[in-house]
Amino acid sequence: MNDVIQHNGFFAHPENLLMATVTDLSPVIRTLGWRRVKKAQSMERKQDIRHFVAPQLNFEAAAYREMIH
């Protein structure tokens, strides 16, 4: 079963999880999410085409924000 979930793990793409953090009910998690957004915006951008690859999932995670490294 985990293999099927891992294969279809596109929902856990880092950008999707980051969007979830900025809309979290916890003010602490929202603040951390916005800090990561601001840090990503300040980074230098590559001009390469990005490929959407499903991340390796942590099935032992206690919260959605711990699903990926």
PDB file of N, CA and C in Angstrom:
ATOM      1  N   MET A   1       0.815  -1.190   0.000  1.00  0.00           N
ATOM      2  CA  MET A   1       0.000   0.000   0.000  1.00  0.00           C
ATOM      3  C   MET A   1       0.865   1.262   0.000  1.00  0.00           C
ATOM      4  N   ASN A   2       1.947   1.268   0.796  1.00  0.00           N
ATOM      5  CA  ASN A   2       2.820   2.435   0.823  1.00  0.00           C
ATOM      6  C   ASN A   2       3.451   2.711  -0.535  1.00  0.00           C
ATOM      7  N   ASP A   3       3.711   1.648  -1.306  1.00  0.00           N
ATOM      8  CA  ASP A   3       4.282   1.834  -2.638  1.00  0.00           C
ATOM      9  C   ASP A   3       3.331   2.629  -3.531  1.00  0.00           C
ATOM     10  N   VAL A   4       2.047   2.341  -3.442  1.00  0.00           N
ATOM     11  CA  VAL A   4       1.047   3.057  -4.253  1.00  0.00           C
ATOM     12  C   VAL A   4       0.976   4.517  -3.820  1.00  0.00           C
ATOM     13  N   ILE A   5       0.956   4.754  -2.518  1.00  0.00           N
ATOM     14  CA  ILE A   5       0.915   6.126  -2.006  1.00  0.00           C
ATOM     15  C   ILE A   5       2.181   6.873  -2.408  1.00  0.00           C
ATOM     16  N   GLN A   6       3.339   6.219  -2.292  1.00  0.00           N
ATOM     17  CA  GLN A   6       4.594   6.856  -2.681  1.00  0.00           C
ATOM     18  C   GLN A   6       4.588   7.203  -4.158  1.00  0.00           C
ATOM     19  N   HIS A   7       4.123   6.295  -4.997  1.00  0.00           N
ATOM     20  CA  HIS A   7       4.087   6.530  -6.444  1.00  0.00           C
ATOM     21  C   HIS A   7       3.189   7.716  -6.787  1.00  0.00           C
ATOM     22  N   ASN A   8       2.128   7.914  -6.020  1.00  0.00           N
ATOM     23  CA  ASN A   8       1.182   9.001  -6.272  1.00  0.00           C
ATOM     24  C   ASN A   8       1.379  10.132  -5.263  1.00  0.00           C
ATOM     25  N   GLY A   9       2.599  10.332  -4.814  1.00  0.00           N
ATOM     26  CA  GLY A   9       2.881  11.313  -3.776  1.00  0.00           C
ATOM     27  C   GLY A   9       3.045  12.734  -4.271  1.00  0.00           C
ATOM     28  N   PHE A  10       2.507  13.060  -5.426  1.00  0.00           N
ATOM     29  CA  PHE A  10       2.653  14.410  -5.954  1.00  0.00           C
ATOM     30  C   PHE A  10       1.974  15.452  -5.065  1.00  0.00           C
ATOM     31  N   PHE A  11       0.968  15.041  -4.306  1.00  0.00           N
ATOM     32  CA  PHE A  11       0.302  15.971  -3.401  1.00  0.00           C
ATOM     33  C   PHE A  11       1.273  16.489  -2.349  1.00  0.00           C
ATOM     34  N   ALA A  12       2.339  15.759  -2.084  1.00  0.00           N
ATOM     35  CA  ALA A  12       3.309  16.134  -1.063  1.00  0.00           C
ATOM     36  C   ALA A  12       4.512  16.864  -1.652  1.00  0.00           C
ATOM     37  N   HIS A  13       4.349  17.419  -2.832  1.00  0.00           N
ATOM     38  CA  HIS A  13       5.434  18.199  -3.419  1.00  0.00           C
ATOM     39  C   HIS A  13       5.751  19.357  -2.471  1.00  0.00           C
ATOM     40  N   PRO A  14       7.015  19.713  -2.291  1.00  0.00           N
ATOM     41  CA  PRO A  14       7.380  20.762  -1.336  1.00  0.00           C
ATOM     42  C   PRO A  14       6.594  22.065  -1.498  1.00  0.00           C
ATOM     43  N   GLU A  15       6.294  22.459  -2.721  1.00  0.00           N
ATOM     44  CA  GLU A  15       5.538  23.698  -2.926  1.00  0.00           C
ATOM     45  C   GLU A  15       4.113  23.564  -2.390  1.00  0.00           C
ATOM     46  N   ASN A  16       3.516  22.401  -2.540  1.00  0.00           N
ATOM     47  CA  ASN A  16       2.164  22.186  -2.014  1.00  0.00           C
ATOM     48  C   ASN A  16       2.159  22.197  -0.491  1.00  0.00           C
ATOM     49  N   LEU A  17       3.156  21.557   0.115  1.00  0.00           N
ATOM     50  CA  LEU A  17       3.241  21.555   1.578  1.00  0.00           C
ATOM     51  C   LEU A  17       3.530  22.950   2.119  1.00  0.00           C
ATOM     52  N   LEU A  18       4.324  23.717   1.404  1.00  0.00           N
ATOM     53  CA  LEU A  18       4.598  25.083   1.824  1.00  0.00           C
ATOM     54  C   LEU A  18       3.325  25.925   1.805  1.00  0.00           C
ATOM     55  N   MET A  19       2.505  25.742   0.791  1.00  0.00           N
ATOM     56  CA  MET A  19       1.224  26.455   0.735  1.00  0.00           C
ATOM     57  C   MET A  19       0.325  26.047   1.889  1.00  0.00           C
ATOM     58  N   ALA A  20       0.381  24.792   2.278  1.00  0.00           N
ATOM     59  CA  ALA A  20      -0.422  24.337   3.409  1.00  0.00           C
ATOM     60  C   ALA A  20       0.050  24.978   4.713  1.00  0.00           C
ATOM     61  N   THR A  21       1.344  25.203   4.854  1.00  0.00           N
ATOM     62  CA  THR A  21       1.838  25.802   6.096  1.00  0.00           C
ATOM     63  C   THR A  21       1.394  27.253   6.244  1.00  0.00           C
ATOM     64  N   VAL A  22       1.309  27.994   5.153  1.00  0.00           N
ATOM     65  CA  VAL A  22       0.919  29.405   5.273  1.00  0.00           C
ATOM     66  C   VAL A  22      -0.577  29.572   5.506  1.00  0.00           C
ATOM     67  N   THR A  23      -1.338  28.488   5.418  1.00  0.00           N
ATOM     68  CA  THR A  23      -2.772  28.541   5.719  1.00  0.00           C
ATOM     69  C   THR A  23      -3.126  27.697   6.942  1.00  0.00           C
ATOM     70  N   ASP A  24      -2.112  27.250   7.670  1.00  0.00           N
ATOM     71  CA  ASP A  24      -2.327  26.426   8.861  1.00  0.00           C
ATOM     72  C   ASP A  24      -3.043  27.227   9.949  1.00  0.00           C
ATOM     73  N   LEU A  25      -3.790  26.533  10.798  1.00  0.00           N
ATOM     74  CA  LEU A  25      -4.496  27.193  11.894  1.00  0.00           C
ATOM     75  C   LEU A  25      -3.549  27.690  12.982  1.00  0.00           C
ATOM     76  N   SER A  26      -2.400  27.072  13.108  1.00  0.00           N
ATOM     77  CA  SER A  26      -1.428  27.450  14.135  1.00  0.00           C
ATOM     78  C   SER A  26      -0.631  28.682  13.683  1.00  0.00           C
ATOM     79  N   PRO A  27      -0.623  29.747  14.474  1.00  0.00           N
ATOM     80  CA  PRO A  27       0.159  30.934  14.100  1.00  0.00           C
ATOM     81  C   PRO A  27       1.657  30.650  14.002  1.00  0.00           C
ATOM     82  N   VAL A  28       2.148  29.733  14.811  1.00  0.00           N
ATOM     83  CA  VAL A  28       3.573  29.383  14.767  1.00  0.00           C
ATOM     84  C   VAL A  28       3.921  28.749  13.424  1.00  0.00           C
ATOM     85  N   ILE A  29       3.100  27.813  12.972  1.00  0.00           N
ATOM     86  CA  ILE A  29       3.349  27.143  11.692  1.00  0.00           C
ATOM     87  C   ILE A  29       3.208  28.132  10.540  1.00  0.00           C
ATOM     88  N   ARG A  30       2.204  29.006  10.590  1.00  0.00           N
ATOM     89  CA  ARG A  30       2.041  30.029   9.538  1.00  0.00           C
ATOM     90  C   ARG A  30       3.274  30.925   9.453  1.00  0.00           C
ATOM     91  N   THR A  31       3.791  31.339  10.599  1.00  0.00           N
ATOM     92  CA  THR A  31       4.981  32.196  10.613  1.00  0.00           C
ATOM     93  C   THR A  31       6.175  31.474   9.996  1.00  0.00           C
ATOM     94  N   LEU A  32       6.369  30.213  10.364  1.00  0.00           N
ATOM     95  CA  LEU A  32       7.473  29.439   9.774  1.00  0.00           C
ATOM     96  C   LEU A  32       7.292  29.302   8.261  1.00  0.00           C
ATOM     97  N   GLY A  33       6.056  29.072   7.829  1.00  0.00           N
ATOM     98  CA  GLY A  33       5.776  28.961   6.401  1.00  0.00           C
ATOM     99  C   GLY A  33       6.113  30.235   5.659  1.00  0.00           C
ATOM    100  N   TRP A  34       5.701  31.382   6.199  1.00  0.00           N
ATOM    101  CA  TRP A  34       5.997  32.665   5.544  1.00  0.00           C
ATOM    102  C   TRP A  34       7.492  32.960   5.524  1.00  0.00           C
ATOM    103  N   ARG A  35       8.205  32.571   6.568  1.00  0.00           N
ATOM    104  CA  ARG A  35       9.655  32.766   6.569  1.00  0.00           C
ATOM    105  C   ARG A  35      10.312  31.968   5.448  1.00  0.00           C
ATOM    106  N   ARG A  36       9.821  30.752   5.246  1.00  0.00           N
ATOM    107  CA  ARG A  36      10.393  29.923   4.174  1.00  0.00           C
ATOM    108  C   ARG A  36      10.050  30.494   2.804  1.00  0.00           C
ATOM    109  N   VAL A  37       8.848  31.045   2.659  1.00  0.00           N
ATOM    110  CA  VAL A  37       8.465  31.676   1.387  1.00  0.00           C
ATOM    111  C   VAL A  37       9.387  32.854   1.101  1.00  0.00           C
ATOM    112  N   LYS A  38       9.594  33.710   2.094  1.00  0.00           N
ATOM    113  CA  LYS A  38      10.465  34.876   1.907  1.00  0.00           C
ATOM    114  C   LYS A  38      11.899  34.466   1.597  1.00  0.00           C
ATOM    115  N   LYS A  39      12.373  33.409   2.246  1.00  0.00           N
ATOM    116  CA  LYS A  39      13.726  32.930   1.969  1.00  0.00           C
ATOM    117  C   LYS A  39      13.822  32.418   0.530  1.00  0.00           C
ATOM    118  N   ALA A  40      12.806  31.677   0.083  1.00  0.00           N
ATOM    119  CA  ALA A  40      12.808  31.149  -1.288  1.00  0.00           C
ATOM    120  C   ALA A  40      12.754  32.285  -2.308  1.00  0.00           C
ATOM    121  N   GLN A  41      12.020  33.347  -2.005  1.00  0.00           N
ATOM    122  CA  GLN A  41      11.924  34.483  -2.922  1.00  0.00           C
ATOM    123  C   GLN A  41      13.252  35.216  -3.050  1.00  0.00           C
ATOM    124  N   SER A  42      14.052  35.209  -2.004  1.00  0.00           N
ATOM    125  CA  SER A  42      15.325  35.928  -2.038  1.00  0.00           C
ATOM    126  C   SER A  42      16.443  35.122  -2.709  1.00  0.00           C
ATOM    127  N   MET A  43      16.206  33.838  -2.936  1.00  0.00           N
ATOM    128  CA  MET A  43      17.225  32.990  -3.552  1.00  0.00           C
ATOM    129  C   MET A  43      17.313  33.257  -5.048  1.00  0.00           C
ATOM    130  N   GLU A  44      18.484  32.995  -5.585  1.00  0.00           N
ATOM    131  CA  GLU A  44      18.699  33.171  -7.014  1.00  0.00           C
ATOM    132  C   GLU A  44      17.935  32.095  -7.786  1.00  0.00           C
ATOM    133  N   ARG A  45      17.289  32.489  -8.859  1.00  0.00           N
ATOM    134  CA  ARG A  45      16.490  31.537  -9.642  1.00  0.00           C
ATOM    135  C   ARG A  45      17.279  30.990 -10.809  1.00  0.00           C
ATOM    136  N   LYS A  46      17.079  29.712 -11.078  1.00  0.00           N
ATOM    137  CA  LYS A  46      17.690  29.069 -12.235  1.00  0.00           C
ATOM    138  C   LYS A  46      16.755  29.224 -13.432  1.00  0.00           C
ATOM    139  N   GLN A  47      17.298  29.228 -14.597  1.00  0.00           N
ATOM    140  CA  GLN A  47      16.501  29.362 -15.809  1.00  0.00           C
ATOM    141  C   GLN A  47      16.154  28.011 -16.434  1.00  0.00           C
ATOM    142  N   ASP A  48      16.527  26.923 -15.746  1.00  0.00           N
ATOM    143  CA  ASP A  48      16.251  25.587 -16.265  1.00  0.00           C
ATOM    144  C   ASP A  48      14.771  25.245 -16.104  1.00  0.00           C
ATOM    145  N   ILE A  49      14.318  24.308 -16.898  1.00  0.00           N
ATOM    146  CA  ILE A  49      12.963  23.787 -16.755  1.00  0.00           C
ATOM    147  C   ILE A  49      12.943  22.851 -15.557  1.00  0.00           C
ATOM    148  N   ARG A  50      11.977  23.062 -14.656  1.00  0.00           N
ATOM    149  CA  ARG A  50      11.872  22.215 -13.472  1.00  0.00           C
ATOM    150  C   ARG A  50      10.974  21.021 -13.783  1.00  0.00           C
ATOM    151  N   HIS A  51      11.398  19.861 -13.339  1.00  0.00           N
ATOM    152  CA  HIS A  51      10.612  18.646 -13.506  1.00  0.00           C
ATOM    153  C   HIS A  51       9.886  18.357 -12.198  1.00  0.00           C
ATOM    154  N   PHE A  52       8.615  18.065 -12.306  1.00  0.00           N
ATOM    155  CA  PHE A  52       7.787  17.782 -11.131  1.00  0.00           C
ATOM    156  C   PHE A  52       7.985  16.326 -10.754  1.00  0.00           C
ATOM    157  N   VAL A  53       8.734  16.077  -9.682  1.00  0.00           N
ATOM    158  CA  VAL A  53       9.067  14.729  -9.238  1.00  0.00           C
ATOM    159  C   VAL A  53       8.466  14.511  -7.856  1.00  0.00           C
ATOM    160  N   ALA A  54       7.818  13.390  -7.677  1.00  0.00           N
ATOM    161  CA  ALA A  54       7.231  13.078  -6.370  1.00  0.00           C
ATOM    162  C   ALA A  54       8.346  12.896  -5.347  1.00  0.00           C
ATOM    163  N   PRO A  55       8.260  13.575  -4.189  1.00  0.00           N
ATOM    164  CA  PRO A  55       9.304  13.439  -3.174  1.00  0.00           C
ATOM    165  C   PRO A  55       9.196  12.112  -2.436  1.00  0.00           C
ATOM    166  N   GLN A  56      10.288  11.719  -1.798  1.00  0.00           N
ATOM    167  CA  GLN A  56      10.283  10.526  -0.956  1.00  0.00           C
ATOM    168  C   GLN A  56       9.495  10.858   0.307  1.00  0.00           C
ATOM    169  N   LEU A  57       8.465  10.084   0.614  1.00  0.00           N
ATOM    170  CA  LEU A  57       7.592  10.368   1.741  1.00  0.00           C
ATOM    171  C   LEU A  57       8.059   9.675   3.013  1.00  0.00           C
ATOM    172  N   ASN A  58       7.864  10.344   4.133  1.00  0.00           N
ATOM    173  CA  ASN A  58       8.147   9.787   5.451  1.00  0.00           C
ATOM    174  C   ASN A  58       6.821   9.281   6.013  1.00  0.00           C
ATOM    175  N   PHE A  59       6.593   7.992   5.978  1.00  0.00           N
ATOM    176  CA  PHE A  59       5.332   7.413   6.433  1.00  0.00           C
ATOM    177  C   PHE A  59       5.224   7.359   7.953  1.00  0.00           C
ATOM    178  N   GLU A  60       6.293   7.711   8.655  1.00  0.00           N
ATOM    179  CA  GLU A  60       6.286   7.760  10.116  1.00  0.00           C
ATOM    180  C   GLU A  60       5.961   9.166  10.631  1.00  0.00           C
ATOM    181  N   ALA A  61       5.683  10.104   9.747  1.00  0.00           N
ATOM    182  CA  ALA A  61       5.442  11.497  10.138  1.00  0.00           C
ATOM    183  C   ALA A  61       4.187  11.624  10.995  1.00  0.00           C
ATOM    184  N   ALA A  62       4.273  12.498  11.992  1.00  0.00           N
ATOM    185  CA  ALA A  62       3.134  12.760  12.872  1.00  0.00           C
ATOM    186  C   ALA A  62       2.299  13.933  12.369  1.00  0.00           C
ATOM    187  N   ALA A  63       2.867  14.777  11.493  1.00  0.00           N
ATOM    188  CA  ALA A  63       2.163  15.932  10.947  1.00  0.00           C
ATOM    189  C   ALA A  63       2.513  16.066   9.469  1.00  0.00           C
ATOM    190  N   TYR A  64       1.641  16.722   8.714  1.00  0.00           N
ATOM    191  CA  TYR A  64       1.864  16.827   7.271  1.00  0.00           C
ATOM    192  C   TYR A  64       3.180  17.517   6.938  1.00  0.00           C
ATOM    193  N   ARG A  65       3.599  18.473   7.758  1.00  0.00           N
ATOM    194  CA  ARG A  65       4.831  19.214   7.463  1.00  0.00           C
ATOM    195  C   ARG A  65       6.085  18.363   7.691  1.00  0.00           C
ATOM    196  N   GLU A  66       5.930  17.171   8.263  1.00  0.00           N
ATOM    197  CA  GLU A  66       7.056  16.262   8.467  1.00  0.00           C
ATOM    198  C   GLU A  66       7.102  15.157   7.404  1.00  0.00           C
ATOM    199  N   MET A  67       6.225  15.230   6.419  1.00  0.00           N
ATOM    200  CA  MET A  67       6.129  14.168   5.409  1.00  0.00           C
ATOM    201  C   MET A  67       7.378  14.087   4.532  1.00  0.00           C
ATOM    202  N   ILE A  68       8.034  15.239   4.303  1.00  0.00           N
ATOM    203  CA  ILE A  68       9.234  15.242   3.469  1.00  0.00           C
ATOM    204  C   ILE A  68      10.351  15.928   4.216  1.00  0.00           C
ATOM    205  N   HIS A  69      11.577  15.721   3.759  1.00  0.00           N
ATOM    206  CA  HIS A  69      12.733  16.348   4.406  1.00  0.00           C
ATOM    207  C   HIS A  69      12.846  17.771   3.918  1.00  0.00           C
TER     208      HIS A  69
END
